[in-house]
Protein backbone atom coordinates (compact mmCIF):
# COMPACT_ATOMS: atom_id res chain seq x y z
CA UNK A 1 107.84 109.90 69.83
CA UNK A 2 108.95 106.96 67.63
CA UNK A 3 112.40 106.16 65.89
CA UNK A 4 113.23 103.96 63.25
CA UNK A 5 116.50 102.20 62.57
CA UNK A 6 117.83 100.30 59.40
CA UNK A 7 120.48 98.29 58.76
CA UNK A 8 121.91 97.63 55.41
CA UNK A 9 124.80 94.59 54.78
CA UNK A 10 126.15 96.20 51.75
CA UNK A 11 129.04 98.26 50.66
CA UNK A 12 128.97 101.87 52.30
CA UNK A 13 131.09 103.26 49.22
CA UNK A 14 127.81 103.06 47.28
CA UNK A 15 124.73 103.91 50.22
CA UNK A 16 121.93 104.18 46.98
CA UNK A 17 119.46 103.86 49.65
CA UNK A 18 120.31 107.23 51.54
CA UNK A 19 119.18 110.09 49.91
CA UNK A 20 121.53 113.46 49.05
CA UNK A 21 121.32 115.48 52.33
CA UNK A 22 119.48 113.41 54.21
CA UNK A 23 121.44 112.56 57.32
CA UNK A 24 122.34 115.00 59.85
CA UNK A 25 125.11 113.50 61.88
CA UNK A 26 127.68 110.84 60.95
CA UNK A 27 128.97 108.64 63.52
CA UNK A 28 131.63 106.08 62.92
CA UNK A 29 134.79 104.36 63.70
CA UNK A 30 136.21 103.00 60.38
CA UNK A 31 138.89 100.01 60.26
CA UNK A 32 142.00 101.63 61.34
CA UNK A 33 144.35 101.33 58.28
CA UNK A 34 147.85 99.16 59.34
CA UNK A 35 146.52 97.71 62.29
CA UNK A 36 146.76 94.25 61.71
CA UNK A 37 143.42 93.13 62.60
CA UNK A 38 142.27 94.96 59.43
CA UNK A 39 144.86 93.66 57.21
CA UNK A 40 142.82 90.71 55.68
CA UNK A 41 139.39 93.17 55.35
CA UNK A 42 141.46 95.97 53.42
CA UNK A 43 143.29 92.72 51.31
CA UNK A 44 139.94 91.37 50.20
CA UNK A 45 138.63 94.85 48.74
CA UNK A 46 142.16 95.54 46.88
CA UNK A 47 145.06 92.93 46.21
CA UNK A 48 147.31 95.48 45.93
CA UNK A 49 146.91 96.26 49.84
CA UNK A 50 148.25 92.48 50.55
CA UNK A 51 151.14 93.12 47.94
CA UNK A 52 152.26 96.09 49.66
CA UNK A 53 152.37 94.03 53.00
CA UNK A 54 154.32 91.21 51.73
CA UNK A 55 156.76 93.71 50.32
CA UNK A 56 157.03 95.25 53.66
CA UNK A 57 156.12 98.55 51.80
CA UNK A 58 154.25 100.21 54.53
CA UNK A 59 153.57 103.22 52.71
CA UNK A 60 152.07 102.08 49.91
CA UNK A 61 149.82 99.77 51.98
CA UNK A 62 148.91 102.55 54.18
CA UNK A 63 148.02 104.81 50.95
CA UNK A 64 145.93 101.81 49.36
CA UNK A 65 143.90 101.19 52.72
CA UNK A 66 142.84 104.60 52.86
CA UNK A 67 142.01 104.97 49.30
CA UNK A 68 139.32 102.41 50.08
CA UNK A 69 137.97 104.66 52.95
CA UNK A 70 137.99 107.40 50.63
CA UNK A 71 135.27 106.46 48.54
CA UNK A 72 133.06 106.13 51.70
CA UNK A 73 134.02 109.47 52.49
CA UNK A 74 132.60 110.41 49.09
CA UNK A 75 129.24 108.99 49.99
CA UNK A 76 129.31 110.65 53.45
CA UNK A 77 129.62 114.11 52.17
CA UNK A 78 127.01 113.07 49.84
CA UNK A 79 124.14 112.12 52.44
CA UNK A 80 125.02 114.61 54.91
CA UNK A 81 122.42 117.62 55.06
CA UNK A 82 123.58 121.35 54.82
CA UNK A 83 125.01 122.15 58.50
CA UNK A 84 125.24 117.89 59.21
CA UNK A 85 128.43 116.78 61.18
CA UNK A 86 130.46 113.92 60.87
CA UNK A 87 132.33 112.14 63.64
CA UNK A 88 135.08 110.01 62.88
CA UNK A 89 136.78 107.65 65.68
CA UNK A 90 140.01 106.86 64.52
CA UNK A 91 143.66 105.84 66.19
CA UNK A 92 146.90 106.10 64.51
CA UNK A 93 148.74 102.90 64.13
CA UNK A 94 152.53 101.85 65.00
CA UNK A 95 154.16 99.13 62.98
CA UNK A 96 157.37 97.62 61.77
CA UNK A 97 157.54 97.22 57.90
CA UNK A 98 161.19 97.51 57.02
CA UNK A 99 161.64 99.83 60.33
CA UNK A 100 159.74 100.95 63.03
CA UNK A 101 156.89 104.11 62.39
CA UNK A 102 153.74 105.29 63.33
CA UNK A 103 151.10 105.69 60.66
CA UNK A 104 149.00 108.49 61.05
CA UNK A 105 145.46 107.82 60.29
CA UNK A 106 143.94 110.70 61.88
CA UNK A 107 146.13 112.97 59.55
CA UNK A 108 144.78 111.12 56.72
CA UNK A 109 140.94 110.79 57.21
CA UNK A 110 140.97 114.92 58.09
CA UNK A 111 142.68 115.63 54.72
CA UNK A 112 140.20 113.73 52.93
CA UNK A 113 137.49 115.21 54.39
CA UNK A 114 138.68 118.76 54.08
CA UNK A 115 139.60 117.89 50.79
CA UNK A 116 135.88 116.86 50.12
CA UNK A 117 134.89 120.19 51.34
CA UNK A 118 134.12 119.73 55.08
CA UNK A 119 134.67 122.13 57.64
CA UNK A 120 137.07 120.84 60.38
CA UNK A 121 135.89 121.81 64.02
CA UNK A 122 137.89 121.04 67.16
CA UNK A 123 138.38 117.25 67.94
CA UNK A 124 138.41 115.50 70.82
CA UNK A 125 141.04 112.82 72.32
CA UNK A 126 140.14 110.10 74.32
CA UNK A 127 142.30 108.37 76.50
CA UNK A 128 142.01 104.65 76.56
CA UNK A 129 143.17 102.70 79.80
CA UNK A 130 146.72 101.26 79.62
CA UNK A 131 148.26 98.13 80.86
CA UNK A 132 151.05 99.77 82.85
CA UNK A 133 153.21 96.64 82.53
CA UNK A 134 153.73 96.89 78.87
CA UNK A 135 153.37 101.03 78.95
CA UNK A 136 157.02 101.44 77.29
CA UNK A 137 158.01 100.35 74.76
CA UNK A 138 161.38 99.52 72.47
CA UNK A 139 164.26 99.59 74.35
CA UNK A 140 162.74 99.45 77.67
CA UNK A 141 165.07 101.71 80.19
CA UNK A 142 167.83 102.48 77.98
CA UNK A 143 167.71 105.42 75.54
CA UNK A 144 167.53 106.47 73.03
CA UNK A 145 165.55 103.47 70.98
CA UNK A 146 162.27 103.44 73.11
CA UNK A 147 158.68 104.84 71.88
CA UNK A 148 155.71 105.99 73.79
CA UNK A 149 152.63 103.64 73.81
CA UNK A 150 149.64 105.08 71.83
CA UNK A 151 147.21 105.55 74.71
CA UNK A 152 144.63 107.50 73.08
CA UNK A 153 142.26 107.95 70.19
CA UNK A 154 140.81 110.95 68.22
CA UNK A 155 137.02 111.66 67.37
CA UNK A 156 137.66 113.82 64.32
CA UNK A 157 134.75 116.31 63.85
CA UNK A 158 133.41 118.65 60.50
CA UNK A 159 130.36 120.03 59.35
CA UNK A 160 129.18 120.26 56.08
CA UNK A 161 128.60 124.12 54.95
CA UNK A 162 127.88 126.76 57.28
CA UNK A 163 125.69 126.74 60.65
CA UNK A 164 122.55 124.39 60.70
CA UNK A 165 119.20 126.27 60.42
CA UNK A 166 116.14 125.98 62.97
CA UNK A 167 113.21 127.39 63.15
CA UNK A 168 112.61 130.41 65.81
CA UNK A 169 112.22 128.47 68.76
CA UNK A 170 112.45 125.13 67.75
CA UNK A 171 110.86 122.93 70.33
CA UNK A 172 112.75 119.31 69.28
CA UNK A 173 116.19 121.35 69.83
CA UNK A 174 115.11 123.05 73.19
CA UNK A 175 114.02 119.35 74.25
CA UNK A 176 116.87 117.85 73.27
CA UNK A 177 119.29 120.36 75.43
CA UNK A 178 122.22 118.59 77.61
CA UNK A 179 122.76 119.76 81.19
CA UNK A 180 124.89 122.88 81.71
CA UNK A 181 127.72 120.51 83.26
CA UNK A 182 127.15 117.84 80.94
CA UNK A 183 128.02 120.35 78.53
CA UNK A 184 131.37 120.86 80.29
CA UNK A 185 132.36 117.70 80.07
CA UNK A 186 131.42 116.47 77.09
CA UNK A 187 132.80 119.44 75.21
CA UNK A 188 136.23 119.07 76.43
CA UNK A 189 139.04 118.23 73.82
CA UNK A 190 140.05 115.75 76.06
CA UNK A 191 138.16 112.52 77.47
CA UNK A 192 139.24 110.32 80.38
CA UNK A 193 136.46 109.06 81.76
CA UNK A 194 135.58 106.83 78.77
CA UNK A 195 137.09 103.44 79.36
CA UNK A 196 137.91 101.25 76.70
CA UNK A 197 136.10 97.99 76.26
CA UNK A 198 136.52 94.40 75.51
CA UNK A 199 134.75 92.67 72.02
CA UNK A 200 132.24 90.69 74.40
CA UNK A 201 131.69 88.49 71.35
CA UNK A 202 131.31 84.78 71.77
CA UNK A 203 132.46 84.01 67.99
CA UNK A 204 136.20 84.29 67.30
CA UNK A 205 136.06 84.65 63.75
CA UNK A 206 133.82 87.78 64.71
CA UNK A 207 136.07 89.18 67.33
CA UNK A 208 139.02 89.02 64.94
CA UNK A 209 136.83 91.38 62.35
CA UNK A 210 135.34 93.47 64.99
CA UNK A 211 136.82 96.68 66.53
CA UNK A 212 135.04 97.57 70.15
CA UNK A 213 133.82 101.14 70.34
CA UNK A 214 132.55 101.90 73.79
CA UNK A 215 128.85 102.89 74.13
CA UNK A 216 129.40 106.40 75.94
CA UNK A 217 131.36 107.49 72.79
CA UNK A 218 128.36 107.43 70.19
CA UNK A 219 125.88 108.33 72.50
CA UNK A 220 127.79 111.70 73.96
CA UNK A 221 128.56 112.56 70.05
CA UNK A 222 125.00 111.77 69.21
CA UNK A 223 123.49 113.98 71.94
CA UNK A 224 126.01 116.92 71.11
CA UNK A 225 125.56 117.10 67.47
CA UNK A 226 121.62 116.10 66.78
CA UNK A 227 118.40 116.47 68.16
CA UNK A 228 115.33 114.42 68.69
CA UNK A 229 114.24 112.86 65.10
CA UNK A 230 117.57 113.29 63.49
CA UNK A 231 118.89 110.48 61.43
CA UNK A 232 122.31 109.14 62.23
CA UNK A 233 124.25 107.30 59.87
CA UNK A 234 127.13 104.89 60.60
CA UNK A 235 128.75 103.26 57.37
CA UNK A 236 130.93 101.30 59.38
CA UNK A 237 128.14 99.95 61.16
CA UNK A 238 130.36 96.48 63.06
CA UNK A 239 128.25 95.37 66.21
CA UNK A 240 125.77 98.20 65.88
CA UNK A 241 126.78 100.50 68.91
CA UNK A 242 126.30 103.66 67.10
CA UNK A 243 122.85 102.48 66.35
CA UNK A 244 121.83 101.43 69.91
CA UNK A 245 123.24 104.92 70.58
CA UNK A 246 120.79 106.62 68.43
CA UNK A 247 117.88 104.04 69.86
CA UNK A 248 118.87 105.32 73.37
CA UNK A 249 119.00 109.24 72.58
CA UNK A 250 115.91 108.95 70.54
CA UNK A 251 117.41 109.83 66.86
CA UNK A 252 116.69 107.66 63.84
CA UNK A 253 119.57 105.36 62.52
CA UNK A 254 120.98 104.14 59.49
CA UNK A 255 123.99 101.51 59.37
CA UNK A 256 126.04 99.92 56.66
CA UNK A 257 128.17 96.65 56.96
CA UNK A 258 129.79 94.32 54.76
CA UNK A 259 129.42 91.47 57.15
CA UNK A 260 126.12 90.02 58.23
CA UNK A 261 127.71 87.57 60.89
CA UNK A 262 126.88 90.53 62.97
CA UNK A 263 123.65 90.79 62.59
CA UNK A 264 122.87 88.05 65.76
CA UNK A 265 125.18 90.36 68.21
CA UNK A 266 123.14 93.39 67.72
CA UNK A 267 119.75 91.72 67.94
CA UNK A 268 120.84 90.40 71.00
CA UNK A 269 121.93 94.05 72.23
CA UNK A 270 118.67 95.13 71.27
CA UNK A 271 116.78 93.09 73.30
CA UNK A 272 118.25 95.10 76.60
CA UNK A 273 117.99 98.54 74.92
CA UNK A 274 114.69 99.57 76.90
CA UNK A 275 116.83 98.55 79.94
CA UNK A 276 119.74 100.50 79.03
CA UNK A 277 117.39 103.74 78.49
CA UNK A 278 116.38 103.59 81.40
CA UNK A 279 119.59 103.19 83.06
CA UNK A 280 121.04 105.75 81.05
CA UNK A 281 118.25 108.43 81.65
CA UNK A 282 118.38 107.50 85.37
CA UNK A 283 122.10 108.09 85.32
CA UNK A 284 121.72 111.67 83.69
CA UNK A 285 119.22 112.96 86.45
CA UNK A 286 121.26 111.40 89.16
CA UNK A 287 124.02 113.14 87.96
CA UNK A 288 122.35 116.43 87.51
CA UNK A 289 120.90 116.26 91.04
CA UNK A 290 124.21 115.48 92.66
CA UNK A 291 125.71 118.77 90.75
CA UNK A 292 123.03 120.68 92.07
CA UNK A 293 123.77 119.32 95.71
CA UNK A 294 127.30 120.38 95.22
CA UNK A 295 126.44 123.67 94.17
CA UNK A 296 123.99 124.56 96.83
CA UNK A 297 125.95 122.84 99.63
CA UNK A 298 128.72 125.38 98.18
CA UNK A 299 126.54 128.23 98.84
CA UNK A 300 125.70 128.46 94.95
CA UNK A 301 122.34 129.38 93.19
CA UNK A 302 120.52 128.10 89.87
CA UNK A 303 118.60 130.43 88.74
CA UNK A 304 116.29 128.00 86.51
CA UNK A 305 114.39 125.29 86.94
CA UNK A 306 113.84 122.18 84.55
CA UNK A 307 110.27 122.22 83.73
CA UNK A 308 109.61 118.43 83.68
CA UNK A 309 111.89 117.74 86.44
CA UNK A 310 111.37 119.99 88.97
CA UNK A 311 115.37 120.97 90.35
CA UNK A 312 117.30 123.71 89.57
CA UNK A 313 119.15 124.06 86.07
CA UNK A 314 122.14 126.99 85.50
CA UNK A 315 120.70 128.28 82.16
CA UNK A 316 117.30 129.06 80.42
CA UNK A 317 117.84 126.93 77.71
CA UNK A 318 117.96 123.75 79.88
CA UNK A 319 114.48 124.68 81.16
CA UNK A 320 112.98 122.33 78.57
CA UNK A 321 115.02 119.35 78.39
CA UNK A 322 112.96 115.98 78.07
CA UNK A 323 114.54 112.81 78.41
CA UNK A 324 112.88 109.55 76.97
CA UNK A 325 112.81 105.95 77.19
CA UNK A 326 112.40 103.39 74.94
CA UNK A 327 108.93 101.85 75.59
CA UNK A 328 108.30 99.56 72.86
CA UNK A 329 110.47 97.84 70.13
CA UNK A 330 109.41 96.02 66.68
CA UNK A 331 111.38 94.57 64.22
CA UNK A 332 110.88 95.73 60.82
CA UNK A 333 112.01 94.50 57.04
CA UNK A 334 115.12 95.95 57.41
CA UNK A 335 116.04 97.00 61.34
CA UNK A 336 113.62 97.94 64.00
CA UNK A 337 110.94 100.51 65.01
CA UNK A 338 110.98 102.04 68.78
CA UNK A 339 108.36 103.87 70.69
CA UNK A 340 109.07 105.95 73.67
CA UNK A 341 107.73 107.19 76.89
CA UNK A 342 108.81 110.57 78.59
CA UNK A 343 110.80 109.99 81.76
């Protein structure tokens, strides 16, 4: 198996290089409106954002920032294939501009995607680790002016049109199956086992322009909502975590990013993608074998066998599971080409 990974250092509001209906999955985490980290980036694209912030007009700034994202959602809808899925990781924001309030980014983005004809599916909350020393904000121990700390983010999930169509017995689809116990964990609407992540960047300016996105989130979403050989798009690419997840998961990827300064960061990450892919596969298999031991230790039975791995599985749909590790990485004119071996 081989995959291609393209990076465009360009504006995702006009993704001219991506054909209509050519992307099966979008996994992205946009800059969060009303988070100060992103003020400069939004203001550079639209000076009215800066003017609204200077005037302490939070509602106007919120609207102007989301209007910039709306142009990207237009493109996302255009490039998604029929039955394709869009997964948007986003957090709400709290800010004091003429008074403290929460700015519900997840609500605004959900509305934008629905207005563009996408169908909402159940979303996922993932809970981030919190610093217990600063857990309570506002008036501390005294009622009534304290407020809860935001400790979660949303993964909004949308589909374009109806269910995706596959030919009967589509081999790629069955090889892309996940284990039964993975399904139960991944398709929960609350993820408490995904830690937050530090920036891990040596350049302070890059840190100021990057929001950390844990690898586990895009990797799970890619495995949940695409199959081998599909194309995954991230229009807010950053350090390329979605592309890295697509590489490990055996999917093609396209990333759009305004700041070319992130290129060497991703290049460094790709240097260890072969080791990462092996670790991920070994971890998944070890977790499944531990699951089998627990079930059998409790006197339970698993009625089928994973043909490649000689281990029991719960369902017939798991029998053809095939896991791949990256075997070779080559630079191309616009990204990387990868080759795989079966584990």
